[in-house]
Amino acid sequence: MADNIIRRHPLQRISSPSRGVSSIFHAAGVSCFAAAFNLIDWPNPVNDSYGWHFQYLTIIGLGLATLTFVFGSLADITTSRRLFVIKNALSSGRLPLSLLEAGPEAIPIDPQLVMPSWVVIDPWADIGFHLAPALFLLLDLLFFSPPWSIPPLSALGVSGVLAFGYWWWVEHCFTHNGWYPYPLFELLSPAWRGVLFVGSALFMTGSTVCLKWVYGRVNGWGVEGPIVVRKREEVEKAR
């Protein structure tokens, strides 16, 4: 127990990486995300297109969530701190993306702008694509991870790379397929698509700052989290 206390960040609530609760949690996440991938292989025009379903931000996000939890599981099995750091780095980019994905569902918007007319999403698929990754990643951040150390400027850089990297990928797929994955992109000029992706980068940056604040509200600020406080109370009682 003493070794776990030393290795674990004072603000982190549950030991991770470990072969206990953390291992079960990350394995459950990988299984859930793998099951969600099985729900997207139905006959539709995207199956045979360039880029497959990875033209969609949701499916890219599902892949990143899977990769994040695979590294988490490997870190649990091997108790490797390096793999644990990689998992946390992936999470810091992926979780803000979940809030961006939730935008069209949280904000009143014409569904035909973000979904082709032929798309019919099963409720279970909707949960697997959107709710499950966001929930697993949020729980991982709040209970199985140290606080994010990424400053706002660096968060803006990461968000910018993700946003403009996706823009490049969408345009690249368009040169092969002749159509965009989201009808909204068809309606926007290149300049306005640029505005959209700049706004997306700023939104993810703000989401990162907000998630760091939520972590502080749940686990405490600075370096004295609930673990340190609890151990101090035990020492004082022993006296």
Protein backbone atom coordinates (compact mmCIF):
# COMPACT_ATOMS: atom_id res chain seq x y z
CA MET A 1 0.00 0.00 0.00
CA ALA A 2 2.82 2.41 0.87
CA ASP A 3 4.40 1.84 -2.55
CA ASN A 4 1.09 2.61 -4.26
CA ILE A 5 0.71 5.82 -2.27
CA ILE A 6 4.21 6.94 -3.33
CA ARG A 7 3.68 6.08 -7.00
CA ARG A 8 0.19 7.50 -7.21
CA HIS A 9 -0.35 11.23 -7.63
CA PRO A 10 -1.81 12.73 -4.42
CA LEU A 11 -4.96 13.83 -6.28
CA GLN A 12 -5.57 10.48 -7.98
CA ARG A 13 -8.32 8.55 -6.19
CA ILE A 14 -7.84 4.95 -7.42
CA SER A 15 -4.54 3.13 -7.99
CA SER A 16 -3.67 3.01 -11.67
CA PRO A 17 -1.91 1.38 -13.34
CA SER A 18 -2.75 -1.72 -11.32
CA ARG A 19 -4.04 -5.24 -11.80
CA GLY A 20 -7.07 -4.52 -9.61
CA VAL A 21 -10.02 -2.19 -10.22
CA SER A 22 -8.13 -0.21 -12.84
CA SER A 23 -7.49 -3.33 -14.91
CA ILE A 24 -11.16 -4.33 -14.81
CA PHE A 25 -12.28 -0.82 -15.73
CA HIS A 26 -9.98 -0.44 -18.74
CA ALA A 27 -10.75 -3.95 -20.00
CA ALA A 28 -14.47 -3.16 -19.79
CA GLY A 29 -13.89 0.00 -21.82
CA VAL A 30 -11.97 -1.85 -24.55
CA SER A 31 -14.74 -4.48 -24.74
CA CYS A 32 -17.46 -1.83 -24.96
CA PHE A 33 -15.69 0.09 -27.72
CA ALA A 34 -14.98 -3.11 -29.68
CA ALA A 35 -18.68 -3.96 -29.50
CA ALA A 36 -19.53 -0.48 -30.82
CA PHE A 37 -17.28 -1.03 -33.84
CA ASN A 38 -19.33 -4.10 -34.70
CA LEU A 39 -22.42 -1.90 -34.97
CA ILE A 40 -21.08 0.21 -37.85
CA ASP A 41 -20.53 -2.51 -40.43
CA TRP A 42 -23.91 -2.35 -42.16
CA PRO A 43 -24.36 -2.06 -45.96
CA ASN A 44 -24.15 1.62 -46.96
CA PRO A 45 -22.28 3.84 -49.43
CA VAL A 46 -19.49 4.58 -46.95
CA ASN A 47 -18.36 0.97 -46.65
CA ASP A 48 -16.73 0.97 -50.08
CA SER A 49 -15.56 4.60 -50.05
CA TYR A 50 -12.06 5.94 -49.54
CA GLY A 51 -11.45 6.38 -45.81
CA TRP A 52 -14.30 4.04 -44.85
CA HIS A 53 -16.21 5.18 -41.75
CA PHE A 54 -13.08 6.92 -40.46
CA GLN A 55 -14.24 9.91 -42.47
CA TYR A 56 -16.63 10.55 -39.57
CA LEU A 57 -15.37 12.33 -36.48
CA THR A 58 -17.42 10.02 -34.26
CA ILE A 59 -15.71 6.88 -35.58
CA ILE A 60 -12.27 8.49 -35.41
CA GLY A 61 -13.08 9.38 -31.81
CA LEU A 62 -14.18 5.81 -31.10
CA GLY A 63 -10.86 4.58 -32.47
CA LEU A 64 -8.93 7.04 -30.30
CA ALA A 65 -10.94 6.01 -27.24
CA THR A 66 -10.17 2.36 -27.97
CA LEU A 67 -6.47 3.14 -28.37
CA THR A 68 -6.49 5.12 -25.12
CA PHE A 69 -8.00 2.24 -23.16
CA VAL A 70 -5.75 -0.34 -24.85
CA PHE A 71 -2.76 1.59 -23.53
CA GLY A 72 -4.52 1.79 -20.16
CA SER A 73 -5.02 -1.97 -20.11
CA LEU A 74 -1.42 -2.64 -21.16
CA ALA A 75 -0.22 -0.28 -18.43
CA ASP A 76 -2.34 -2.20 -15.89
CA ILE A 77 -1.01 -5.57 -17.00
CA THR A 78 2.64 -4.50 -17.09
CA THR A 79 2.39 -1.77 -14.39
CA SER A 80 4.35 0.38 -16.84
CA ARG A 81 4.39 4.07 -15.96
CA ARG A 82 5.44 4.92 -19.52
CA LEU A 83 2.33 3.28 -21.00
CA PHE A 84 0.27 5.00 -18.31
CA VAL A 85 1.66 8.39 -19.41
CA ILE A 86 0.80 7.60 -23.04
CA LYS A 87 -2.75 6.71 -22.00
CA ASN A 88 -3.14 10.01 -20.18
CA ALA A 89 -1.73 11.97 -23.12
CA LEU A 90 -4.22 10.33 -25.51
CA SER A 91 -7.04 11.01 -23.06
CA SER A 92 -6.22 14.72 -22.86
CA GLY A 93 -6.83 14.98 -26.60
CA ARG A 94 -9.72 12.55 -26.89
CA LEU A 95 -12.02 13.65 -24.05
CA PRO A 96 -12.45 17.26 -25.27
CA LEU A 97 -13.31 15.72 -28.63
CA SER A 98 -16.24 13.95 -26.95
CA LEU A 99 -17.72 17.29 -25.95
CA LEU A 100 -17.32 18.54 -29.52
CA GLU A 101 -19.09 15.44 -30.84
CA ALA A 102 -21.95 16.06 -28.43
CA GLY A 103 -22.48 19.56 -29.85
CA PRO A 104 -24.98 18.63 -32.61
CA GLU A 105 -27.04 16.65 -30.08
CA ALA A 106 -26.94 19.29 -27.34
CA ILE A 107 -27.58 22.28 -29.62
CA PRO A 108 -30.81 22.52 -31.65
CA ILE A 109 -29.61 21.91 -35.22
CA ASP A 110 -31.14 20.37 -38.31
CA PRO A 111 -30.06 16.68 -38.24
CA GLN A 112 -29.80 16.72 -42.03
CA LEU A 113 -26.80 19.04 -41.71
CA VAL A 114 -24.75 16.45 -39.83
CA MET A 115 -26.19 13.17 -41.13
CA PRO A 116 -26.82 12.02 -44.72
CA SER A 117 -30.45 11.23 -45.49
CA TRP A 118 -29.79 7.49 -45.68
CA VAL A 119 -28.31 7.27 -42.16
CA VAL A 120 -30.46 5.61 -39.51
CA ILE A 121 -28.62 5.19 -36.19
CA ASP A 122 -29.77 2.43 -33.88
CA PRO A 123 -30.17 3.67 -30.26
CA TRP A 124 -27.59 1.14 -29.06
CA ALA A 125 -25.17 2.32 -31.72
CA ASP A 126 -25.76 5.92 -30.65
CA ILE A 127 -24.89 4.97 -27.07
CA GLY A 128 -21.81 3.04 -28.20
CA PHE A 129 -20.57 5.84 -30.45
CA HIS A 130 -21.20 8.84 -28.20
CA LEU A 131 -22.25 8.19 -24.59
CA ALA A 132 -20.04 5.20 -23.75
CA PRO A 133 -16.69 6.72 -24.86
CA ALA A 134 -17.45 10.03 -23.16
CA LEU A 135 -18.53 8.33 -19.91
CA PHE A 136 -15.60 5.90 -19.76
CA LEU A 137 -13.07 8.63 -20.55
CA LEU A 138 -14.57 11.01 -17.98
CA LEU A 139 -14.52 8.35 -15.25
CA ASP A 140 -10.95 7.48 -16.20
CA LEU A 141 -9.93 11.12 -15.86
CA LEU A 142 -11.70 11.74 -12.55
CA PHE A 143 -10.78 8.52 -10.70
CA PHE A 144 -7.91 6.70 -12.45
CA SER A 145 -5.68 9.56 -13.63
CA PRO A 146 -3.54 12.35 -12.22
CA PRO A 147 -4.62 15.92 -13.03
CA TRP A 148 -3.84 17.11 -16.53
CA SER A 149 -0.77 19.33 -16.55
CA ILE A 150 -1.38 20.70 -20.05
CA PRO A 151 -1.50 24.55 -20.03
CA PRO A 152 -4.12 26.42 -22.11
CA LEU A 153 -1.67 27.41 -24.86
CA SER A 154 -0.53 23.81 -25.32
CA ALA A 155 -4.17 22.68 -25.26
CA LEU A 156 -4.84 25.15 -28.08
CA GLY A 157 -1.95 23.66 -30.03
CA VAL A 158 -3.20 20.09 -29.58
CA SER A 159 -6.76 21.10 -30.44
CA GLY A 160 -5.53 22.95 -33.52
CA VAL A 161 -3.59 19.91 -34.73
CA LEU A 162 -6.66 17.69 -34.26
CA ALA A 163 -9.07 20.13 -35.92
CA PHE A 164 -6.94 21.01 -38.92
CA GLY A 165 -5.66 17.46 -39.26
CA TYR A 166 -9.27 16.31 -39.58
CA TRP A 167 -9.99 19.10 -42.08
CA TRP A 168 -7.08 17.92 -44.24
CA TRP A 169 -8.31 14.32 -43.98
CA VAL A 170 -11.86 15.27 -44.99
CA GLU A 171 -10.63 17.23 -48.01
CA HIS A 172 -8.28 14.38 -48.94
CA CYS A 173 -11.16 11.88 -48.87
CA PHE A 174 -13.28 14.30 -50.91
CA THR A 175 -10.72 14.21 -53.74
CA HIS A 176 -11.29 10.43 -53.96
CA ASN A 177 -15.02 10.17 -53.23
CA GLY A 178 -16.44 13.43 -54.58
CA TRP A 179 -18.60 13.97 -51.49
CA TYR A 180 -18.17 15.05 -47.87
CA PRO A 181 -19.17 12.87 -44.88
CA TYR A 182 -21.31 15.68 -43.42
CA PRO A 183 -23.84 17.57 -45.59
CA LEU A 184 -22.91 20.78 -43.75
CA PHE A 185 -19.49 20.76 -45.39
CA GLU A 186 -21.15 20.77 -48.83
CA LEU A 187 -22.99 23.99 -47.95
CA LEU A 188 -19.95 25.88 -46.63
CA SER A 189 -17.33 27.60 -48.74
CA PRO A 190 -13.67 26.73 -48.00
CA ALA A 191 -13.35 29.97 -46.00
CA TRP A 192 -16.35 29.15 -43.84
CA ARG A 193 -15.14 25.60 -43.37
CA GLY A 194 -11.94 27.15 -42.04
CA VAL A 195 -13.97 29.25 -39.61
CA LEU A 196 -15.79 26.09 -38.50
CA PHE A 197 -12.57 24.25 -37.73
CA VAL A 198 -11.01 27.24 -35.98
CA GLY A 199 -14.12 27.41 -33.81
CA SER A 200 -13.85 23.68 -33.14
CA ALA A 201 -10.24 24.07 -32.00
CA LEU A 202 -11.21 26.91 -29.66
CA PHE A 203 -14.14 24.88 -28.30
CA MET A 204 -11.90 21.90 -27.52
CA THR A 205 -9.39 24.20 -25.83
CA GLY A 206 -12.16 25.61 -23.64
CA SER A 207 -13.35 22.06 -22.93
CA THR A 208 -9.86 21.11 -21.74
CA VAL A 209 -9.78 24.05 -19.34
CA CYS A 210 -13.27 23.17 -18.05
CA LEU A 211 -12.36 19.49 -17.56
CA LYS A 212 -9.29 20.51 -15.54
CA TRP A 213 -11.57 22.64 -13.37
CA VAL A 214 -14.02 19.75 -12.91
CA TYR A 215 -11.13 17.50 -11.87
CA GLY A 216 -10.10 20.06 -9.27
CA ARG A 217 -13.64 20.33 -7.92
CA VAL A 218 -13.90 16.55 -7.57
CA ASN A 219 -10.40 15.68 -6.37
CA GLY A 220 -8.97 18.89 -4.95
CA TRP A 221 -6.40 21.44 -6.05
CA GLY A 222 -2.65 21.70 -5.76
CA VAL A 223 -0.90 18.56 -4.52
CA GLU A 224 -2.95 17.73 -1.44
CA GLY A 225 -5.74 15.51 -2.61
CA PRO A 226 -8.01 13.16 -0.62
CA ILE A 227 -5.31 10.49 -0.28
CA VAL A 228 -2.82 12.84 1.38
CA VAL A 229 -5.48 14.33 3.63
CA ARG A 230 -6.68 10.87 4.66
CA LYS A 231 -3.16 9.68 5.47
CA ARG A 232 -2.50 12.84 7.49
CA GLU A 233 -5.69 12.28 9.50
CA GLU A 234 -4.62 8.69 10.21
CA VAL A 235 -1.22 9.88 11.46
CA GLU A 236 -2.84 12.51 13.70
CA LYS A 237 -5.25 9.94 15.15
CA ALA A 238 -2.33 7.58 15.84
CA ARG A 239 -0.69 10.32 17.90
